[in-house]
């Protein structure tokens, strides 16, 4: 199975290629939200480096939120275009789940925190399940960093930890991963997407929309798909 995965949920973009269980290509680009200019060239480069033309991928996977409204809209629009152009299936992945996958396999809870702007974070809790894949514990939410109750036995990961960790982590060094592991990587999107596809999950190209989480983002901007 060949999966082309990409992420545009934040100021970095990422593209990856997964073949069966092997990551053939994985890159992060610090675009500063210029995803409309950089995403397609990055995907072209992935196809060139792996020698896999776009129509030969079996599945497409993309983060659908939460995250930047503009970034999610670009990612979702690109995903929809690929689905319609190739007739191939696609799956949507939580950006927080992809960030959580940066953590080493552990029995501890993993909290993924993404900088949401406006002094807030998007966050959700995950744990590795019996099948060796992370599983979400409860819902995703928008939170003020100062309202987060720190758990000394948990692992924290994501851009929200880097920016706001001092507000809720009195012992940051004990639960924080390296800065290099804070970004959402398309390789994680591919792994999660493969698991969802194998469970029979699919997106409908005609009606799927990004998951903005913070209602104000969706209310202030018209959906890319006119919904």
C-alpha atoms as a PDB file:
ATOM      1  CA  UNK A   1       0.000   0.000   0.000  1.00  0.00           C
ATOM      2  CA  UNK A   2       1.311   3.426  -0.961  1.00  0.00           C
ATOM      3  CA  UNK A   3       0.142   6.455   1.003  1.00  0.00           C
ATOM      4  CA  UNK A   4       0.866  10.107   0.263  1.00  0.00           C
ATOM      5  CA  UNK A   5       0.381  12.169   3.412  1.00  0.00           C
ATOM      6  CA  UNK A   6       0.665  15.873   4.108  1.00  0.00           C
ATOM      7  CA  UNK A   7       0.058  18.398   6.875  1.00  0.00           C
ATOM      8  CA  UNK A   8      -0.687  22.121   6.651  1.00  0.00           C
ATOM      9  CA  UNK A   9      -2.226  22.707  10.076  1.00  0.00           C
ATOM     10  CA  UNK A  10       0.432  25.115  11.360  1.00  0.00           C
ATOM     11  CA  UNK A  11       3.263  27.362  10.189  1.00  0.00           C
ATOM     12  CA  UNK A  12       5.200  24.309   9.081  1.00  0.00           C
ATOM     13  CA  UNK A  13       4.138  22.047   6.239  1.00  0.00           C
ATOM     14  CA  UNK A  14       5.097  18.412   5.901  1.00  0.00           C
ATOM     15  CA  UNK A  15       4.906  15.755   3.186  1.00  0.00           C
ATOM     16  CA  UNK A  16       5.606  12.028   3.521  1.00  0.00           C
ATOM     17  CA  UNK A  17       5.340   8.813   1.541  1.00  0.00           C
ATOM     18  CA  UNK A  18       4.568   5.498   3.241  1.00  0.00           C
ATOM     19  CA  UNK A  19       4.891   2.188   1.399  1.00  0.00           C
ATOM     20  CA  UNK A  20       3.467  -0.677   3.434  1.00  0.00           C
ATOM     21  CA  UNK A  21       5.212  -0.079   6.781  1.00  0.00           C
ATOM     22  CA  UNK A  22       8.231   1.834   5.459  1.00  0.00           C
ATOM     23  CA  UNK A  23       8.590   5.619   5.392  1.00  0.00           C
ATOM     24  CA  UNK A  24      10.183   6.352   2.014  1.00  0.00           C
ATOM     25  CA  UNK A  25      10.117  10.126   2.280  1.00  0.00           C
ATOM     26  CA  UNK A  26       9.455  12.627   5.069  1.00  0.00           C
ATOM     27  CA  UNK A  27      10.130  16.352   5.020  1.00  0.00           C
ATOM     28  CA  UNK A  28       9.125  19.386   7.078  1.00  0.00           C
ATOM     29  CA  UNK A  29       9.107  22.826   5.483  1.00  0.00           C
ATOM     30  CA  UNK A  30       9.059  26.008   7.557  1.00  0.00           C
ATOM     31  CA  UNK A  31       6.686  27.955   5.333  1.00  0.00           C
ATOM     32  CA  UNK A  32       5.200  30.529   7.664  1.00  0.00           C
ATOM     33  CA  UNK A  33       1.680  29.666   6.423  1.00  0.00           C
ATOM     34  CA  UNK A  34       2.634  30.122   2.745  1.00  0.00           C
ATOM     35  CA  UNK A  35       1.238  26.672   2.075  1.00  0.00           C
ATOM     36  CA  UNK A  36      -0.551  27.742  -1.097  1.00  0.00           C
ATOM     37  CA  UNK A  37       2.859  28.377  -2.659  1.00  0.00           C
ATOM     38  CA  UNK A  38       4.867  25.515  -1.193  1.00  0.00           C
ATOM     39  CA  UNK A  39       2.612  22.476  -0.731  1.00  0.00           C
ATOM     40  CA  UNK A  40       2.216  21.334  -4.335  1.00  0.00           C
ATOM     41  CA  UNK A  41       5.938  21.774  -5.171  1.00  0.00           C
ATOM     42  CA  UNK A  42       6.760  19.779  -2.023  1.00  0.00           C
ATOM     43  CA  UNK A  43       4.394  17.008  -3.119  1.00  0.00           C
ATOM     44  CA  UNK A  44       5.911  17.050  -6.614  1.00  0.00           C
ATOM     45  CA  UNK A  45       9.340  16.628  -5.028  1.00  0.00           C
ATOM     46  CA  UNK A  46       8.087  13.690  -2.942  1.00  0.00           C
ATOM     47  CA  UNK A  47       6.761  11.979  -6.063  1.00  0.00           C
ATOM     48  CA  UNK A  48      10.031  12.644  -7.876  1.00  0.00           C
ATOM     49  CA  UNK A  49      12.262  11.383  -5.062  1.00  0.00           C
ATOM     50  CA  UNK A  50      10.240   8.204  -4.512  1.00  0.00           C
ATOM     51  CA  UNK A  51       9.558   7.691  -8.234  1.00  0.00           C
ATOM     52  CA  UNK A  52       5.848   7.257  -7.498  1.00  0.00           C
ATOM     53  CA  UNK A  53       3.538   9.315  -9.742  1.00  0.00           C
ATOM     54  CA  UNK A  54       0.506  10.808  -8.017  1.00  0.00           C
ATOM     55  CA  UNK A  55      -2.028   8.446  -9.685  1.00  0.00           C
ATOM     56  CA  UNK A  56      -0.104   5.410  -8.383  1.00  0.00           C
ATOM     57  CA  UNK A  57      -0.771   6.159  -4.720  1.00  0.00           C
ATOM     58  CA  UNK A  58      -3.429   3.967  -3.158  1.00  0.00           C
ATOM     59  CA  UNK A  59      -4.536   6.353  -0.427  1.00  0.00           C
ATOM     60  CA  UNK A  60      -4.139  10.024   0.447  1.00  0.00           C
ATOM     61  CA  UNK A  61      -4.011  11.249   4.054  1.00  0.00           C
ATOM     62  CA  UNK A  62      -4.132  14.767   5.429  1.00  0.00           C
ATOM     63  CA  UNK A  63      -4.594  16.518   8.761  1.00  0.00           C
ATOM     64  CA  UNK A  64      -8.046  18.084   8.951  1.00  0.00           C
ATOM     65  CA  UNK A  65      -7.634  19.911  12.236  1.00  0.00           C
ATOM     66  CA  UNK A  66      -7.465  21.463  14.586  1.00  0.00           C
ATOM     67  CA  UNK A  67      -5.097  24.182  13.453  1.00  0.00           C
ATOM     68  CA  UNK A  68      -4.747  27.279  11.305  1.00  0.00           C
ATOM     69  CA  UNK A  69      -7.922  28.047   9.359  1.00  0.00           C
ATOM     70  CA  UNK A  70      -5.972  29.011   6.244  1.00  0.00           C
ATOM     71  CA  UNK A  71      -3.647  26.040   6.476  1.00  0.00           C
ATOM     72  CA  UNK A  72      -6.443  23.528   7.015  1.00  0.00           C
ATOM     73  CA  UNK A  73      -8.408  24.987   4.125  1.00  0.00           C
ATOM     74  CA  UNK A  74      -5.446  24.610   1.772  1.00  0.00           C
ATOM     75  CA  UNK A  75      -4.771  21.047   2.904  1.00  0.00           C
ATOM     76  CA  UNK A  76      -8.409  20.016   2.604  1.00  0.00           C
ATOM     77  CA  UNK A  77      -8.732  21.621  -0.813  1.00  0.00           C
ATOM     78  CA  UNK A  78      -5.631  19.826  -2.058  1.00  0.00           C
ATOM     79  CA  UNK A  79      -6.875  16.521  -0.663  1.00  0.00           C
ATOM     80  CA  UNK A  80     -10.251  16.930  -2.318  1.00  0.00           C
ATOM     81  CA  UNK A  81      -8.571  17.778  -5.624  1.00  0.00           C
ATOM     82  CA  UNK A  82      -6.441  14.628  -5.496  1.00  0.00           C
ATOM     83  CA  UNK A  83      -9.472  12.482  -4.688  1.00  0.00           C
ATOM     84  CA  UNK A  84     -11.474  13.845  -7.598  1.00  0.00           C
ATOM     85  CA  UNK A  85      -8.545  13.766 -10.036  1.00  0.00           C
ATOM     86  CA  UNK A  86      -7.421  10.213  -9.280  1.00  0.00           C
ATOM     87  CA  UNK A  87     -10.533   8.518  -7.936  1.00  0.00           C
ATOM     88  CA  UNK A  88      -8.454   7.242  -5.019  1.00  0.00           C
ATOM     89  CA  UNK A  89      -9.709   7.152  -1.402  1.00  0.00           C
ATOM     90  CA  UNK A  90      -8.529   9.449   1.363  1.00  0.00           C
ATOM     91  CA  UNK A  91      -8.608   9.684   5.136  1.00  0.00           C
ATOM     92  CA  UNK A  92      -8.473  12.626   7.500  1.00  0.00           C
ATOM     93  CA  UNK A  93      -6.255  12.628  10.579  1.00  0.00           C
ATOM     94  CA  UNK A  94      -6.235  14.704  13.758  1.00  0.00           C
ATOM     95  CA  UNK A  95      -3.249  17.039  13.859  1.00  0.00           C
ATOM     96  CA  UNK A  96      -3.054  16.510  17.626  1.00  0.00           C
ATOM     97  CA  UNK A  97      -2.914  12.741  17.186  1.00  0.00           C
ATOM     98  CA  UNK A  98      -0.072  13.148  14.704  1.00  0.00           C
ATOM     99  CA  UNK A  99       1.814  15.350  17.166  1.00  0.00           C
ATOM    100  CA  UNK A 100       1.245  12.830  19.958  1.00  0.00           C
ATOM    101  CA  UNK A 101       2.820  10.120  17.817  1.00  0.00           C
ATOM    102  CA  UNK A 102       6.147  11.962  18.236  1.00  0.00           C
ATOM    103  CA  UNK A 103       6.303  10.602  21.770  1.00  0.00           C
ATOM    104  CA  UNK A 104       8.065   7.333  22.462  1.00  0.00           C
ATOM    105  CA  UNK A 105       5.821   4.358  23.166  1.00  0.00           C
ATOM    106  CA  UNK A 106       4.992   4.571  26.838  1.00  0.00           C
ATOM    107  CA  UNK A 107       2.315   3.607  29.319  1.00  0.00           C
ATOM    108  CA  UNK A 108       2.076   7.253  30.370  1.00  0.00           C
ATOM    109  CA  UNK A 109      -0.560   9.665  29.166  1.00  0.00           C
ATOM    110  CA  UNK A 110       0.559  11.869  26.277  1.00  0.00           C
ATOM    111  CA  UNK A 111      -0.776  15.405  26.054  1.00  0.00           C
ATOM    112  CA  UNK A 112      -0.492  17.055  22.643  1.00  0.00           C
ATOM    113  CA  UNK A 113      -0.672  20.843  22.701  1.00  0.00           C
ATOM    114  CA  UNK A 114      -0.711  22.997  19.577  1.00  0.00           C
ATOM    115  CA  UNK A 115      -0.366  26.783  19.643  1.00  0.00           C
ATOM    116  CA  UNK A 116      -3.836  28.059  18.714  1.00  0.00           C
ATOM    117  CA  UNK A 117      -3.003  31.755  18.729  1.00  0.00           C
ATOM    118  CA  UNK A 118      -4.846  34.297  20.881  1.00  0.00           C
ATOM    119  CA  UNK A 119      -2.897  32.994  23.867  1.00  0.00           C
ATOM    120  CA  UNK A 120      -4.583  29.586  23.714  1.00  0.00           C
ATOM    121  CA  UNK A 121      -3.736  25.988  22.801  1.00  0.00           C
ATOM    122  CA  UNK A 122      -5.535  23.114  21.122  1.00  0.00           C
ATOM    123  CA  UNK A 123      -5.061  20.036  23.261  1.00  0.00           C
ATOM    124  CA  UNK A 124      -6.035  16.393  23.669  1.00  0.00           C
ATOM    125  CA  UNK A 125      -4.858  13.408  25.691  1.00  0.00           C
ATOM    126  CA  UNK A 126      -3.641  10.145  24.157  1.00  0.00           C
ATOM    127  CA  UNK A 127      -2.340   6.774  25.308  1.00  0.00           C
ATOM    128  CA  UNK A 128      -0.835   3.832  23.484  1.00  0.00           C
ATOM    129  CA  UNK A 129      -3.357   1.015  23.236  1.00  0.00           C
ATOM    130  CA  UNK A 130      -2.920  -2.737  23.222  1.00  0.00           C
ATOM    131  CA  UNK A 131      -2.485  -2.714  19.453  1.00  0.00           C
ATOM    132  CA  UNK A 132       0.536  -0.426  19.654  1.00  0.00           C
ATOM    133  CA  UNK A 133      -1.250   2.634  18.243  1.00  0.00           C
ATOM    134  CA  UNK A 134      -2.124   5.808  20.117  1.00  0.00           C
ATOM    135  CA  UNK A 135      -5.735   6.187  21.166  1.00  0.00           C
ATOM    136  CA  UNK A 136      -7.430   9.436  22.092  1.00  0.00           C
ATOM    137  CA  UNK A 137      -8.717   9.742  25.649  1.00  0.00           C
ATOM    138  CA  UNK A 138     -11.639  12.180  25.687  1.00  0.00           C
ATOM    139  CA  UNK A 139     -12.243  15.067  23.323  1.00  0.00           C
ATOM    140  CA  UNK A 140     -10.110  17.790  21.800  1.00  0.00           C
ATOM    141  CA  UNK A 141     -10.464  21.237  23.294  1.00  0.00           C
ATOM    142  CA  UNK A 142      -9.271  24.822  23.260  1.00  0.00           C
ATOM    143  CA  UNK A 143      -7.692  25.858  26.553  1.00  0.00           C
ATOM    144  CA  UNK A 144      -5.886  28.708  28.220  1.00  0.00           C
ATOM    145  CA  UNK A 145      -2.424  27.435  29.197  1.00  0.00           C
ATOM    146  CA  UNK A 146      -2.840  28.663  32.773  1.00  0.00           C
ATOM    147  CA  UNK A 147      -5.950  26.468  33.148  1.00  0.00           C
ATOM    148  CA  UNK A 148      -4.114  23.231  32.292  1.00  0.00           C
ATOM    149  CA  UNK A 149      -3.588  20.968  35.293  1.00  0.00           C
ATOM    150  CA  UNK A 150      -0.024  19.671  35.086  1.00  0.00           C
ATOM    151  CA  UNK A 151       0.485  15.912  35.447  1.00  0.00           C
ATOM    152  CA  UNK A 152       4.047  15.078  36.479  1.00  0.00           C
ATOM    153  CA  UNK A 153       3.608  11.497  35.255  1.00  0.00           C
ATOM    154  CA  UNK A 154       2.570  12.493  31.732  1.00  0.00           C
ATOM    155  CA  UNK A 155       4.466  13.393  28.562  1.00  0.00           C
ATOM    156  CA  UNK A 156       3.815  16.740  26.885  1.00  0.00           C
ATOM    157  CA  UNK A 157       4.505  17.446  23.233  1.00  0.00           C
ATOM    158  CA  UNK A 158       3.696  20.116  20.662  1.00  0.00           C
ATOM    159  CA  UNK A 159       4.243  23.767  19.803  1.00  0.00           C
ATOM    160  CA  UNK A 160       1.951  24.767  22.668  1.00  0.00           C
ATOM    161  CA  UNK A 161       4.414  23.237  25.126  1.00  0.00           C
ATOM    162  CA  UNK A 162       7.319  25.208  23.689  1.00  0.00           C
ATOM    163  CA  UNK A 163       5.403  28.492  23.779  1.00  0.00           C
ATOM    164  CA  UNK A 164       3.336  28.158  26.951  1.00  0.00           C
ATOM    165  CA  UNK A 165       4.923  25.369  28.992  1.00  0.00           C
ATOM    166  CA  UNK A 166       6.139  27.767  31.665  1.00  0.00           C
ATOM    167  CA  UNK A 167       2.511  28.643  32.445  1.00  0.00           C
ATOM    168  CA  UNK A 168       1.590  25.150  33.608  1.00  0.00           C
ATOM    169  CA  UNK A 169       4.737  23.011  33.908  1.00  0.00           C
ATOM    170  CA  UNK A 170       6.676  23.766  37.094  1.00  0.00           C
ATOM    171  CA  UNK A 171       9.177  21.069  36.134  1.00  0.00           C
ATOM    172  CA  UNK A 172       9.174  21.374  32.358  1.00  0.00           C
ATOM    173  CA  UNK A 173      12.315  19.344  31.851  1.00  0.00           C
ATOM    174  CA  UNK A 174      10.677  16.206  33.268  1.00  0.00           C
ATOM    175  CA  UNK A 175       7.842  15.924  30.808  1.00  0.00           C
ATOM    176  CA  UNK A 176       8.911  17.786  27.688  1.00  0.00           C
ATOM    177  CA  UNK A 177      10.275  16.319  24.483  1.00  0.00           C
ATOM    178  CA  UNK A 178      13.024  17.931  22.435  1.00  0.00           C
ATOM    179  CA  UNK A 179      12.129  20.932  20.305  1.00  0.00           C
ATOM    180  CA  UNK A 180      12.736  18.848  17.173  1.00  0.00           C
ATOM    181  CA  UNK A 181       9.796  16.616  18.102  1.00  0.00           C
ATOM    182  CA  UNK A 182       7.215  19.363  18.531  1.00  0.00           C
ATOM    183  CA  UNK A 183       6.108  19.600  14.892  1.00  0.00           C
ATOM    184  CA  UNK A 184       3.353  17.654  13.205  1.00  0.00           C
ATOM    185  CA  UNK A 185       5.085  15.293  10.773  1.00  0.00           C
ATOM    186  CA  UNK A 186       3.429  13.881   7.686  1.00  0.00           C
ATOM    187  CA  UNK A 187       5.057  10.523   8.428  1.00  0.00           C
ATOM    188  CA  UNK A 188       2.866  10.334  11.544  1.00  0.00           C
ATOM    189  CA  UNK A 189      -0.131  11.372   9.435  1.00  0.00           C
ATOM    190  CA  UNK A 190       0.646   8.498   7.070  1.00  0.00           C
ATOM    191  CA  UNK A 191       0.902   5.938   9.887  1.00  0.00           C
ATOM    192  CA  UNK A 192      -2.359   7.106  11.458  1.00  0.00           C
ATOM    193  CA  UNK A 193      -4.009   7.321   8.057  1.00  0.00           C
ATOM    194  CA  UNK A 194      -3.040   3.747   7.234  1.00  0.00           C
ATOM    195  CA  UNK A 195      -4.604   2.533  10.483  1.00  0.00           C
ATOM    196  CA  UNK A 196      -7.829   4.429   9.778  1.00  0.00           C
ATOM    197  CA  UNK A 197      -7.989   3.163   6.205  1.00  0.00           C
ATOM    198  CA  UNK A 198      -7.530  -0.420   7.366  1.00  0.00           C
ATOM    199  CA  UNK A 199     -10.441   0.102   9.768  1.00  0.00           C
ATOM    200  CA  UNK A 200     -12.580   1.018   6.783  1.00  0.00           C
ATOM    201  CA  UNK A 201     -12.688   4.774   7.351  1.00  0.00           C
ATOM    202  CA  UNK A 202     -12.960   6.957   4.240  1.00  0.00           C
ATOM    203  CA  UNK A 203     -13.683  10.592   3.434  1.00  0.00           C
ATOM    204  CA  UNK A 204     -16.462  11.632   1.075  1.00  0.00           C
ATOM    205  CA  UNK A 205     -14.995  14.115  -1.397  1.00  0.00           C
ATOM    206  CA  UNK A 206     -18.338  15.847  -1.771  1.00  0.00           C
ATOM    207  CA  UNK A 207     -18.957  16.886   1.805  1.00  0.00           C
ATOM    208  CA  UNK A 208     -15.965  16.618   4.144  1.00  0.00           C
ATOM    209  CA  UNK A 209     -14.761  19.793   5.838  1.00  0.00           C
ATOM    210  CA  UNK A 210     -11.856  20.633   8.154  1.00  0.00           C
ATOM    211  CA  UNK A 211     -12.300  20.436  11.916  1.00  0.00           C
ATOM    212  CA  UNK A 212     -11.598  23.927  13.220  1.00  0.00           C
ATOM    213  CA  UNK A 213     -12.465  23.184  16.882  1.00  0.00           C
ATOM    214  CA  UNK A 214     -12.570  26.859  17.853  1.00  0.00           C
ATOM    215  CA  UNK A 215     -15.993  27.953  16.621  1.00  0.00           C
ATOM    216  CA  UNK A 216     -14.934  31.540  16.084  1.00  0.00           C
ATOM    217  CA  UNK A 217     -12.506  30.452  13.374  1.00  0.00           C
ATOM    218  CA  UNK A 218     -15.246  28.692  11.449  1.00  0.00           C
ATOM    219  CA  UNK A 219     -17.835  31.406  12.094  1.00  0.00           C
ATOM    220  CA  UNK A 220     -15.638  34.281  10.964  1.00  0.00           C
ATOM    221  CA  UNK A 221     -14.538  32.559   7.774  1.00  0.00           C
ATOM    222  CA  UNK A 222     -16.707  30.859   5.191  1.00  0.00           C
ATOM    223  CA  UNK A 223     -15.883  27.192   4.743  1.00  0.00           C
ATOM    224  CA  UNK A 224     -13.712  26.384   1.736  1.00  0.00           C
ATOM    225  CA  UNK A 225     -16.456  24.069   0.541  1.00  0.00           C
ATOM    226  CA  UNK A 226     -19.229  26.586   1.021  1.00  0.00           C
ATOM    227  CA  UNK A 227     -20.807  24.706   3.932  1.00  0.00           C
END
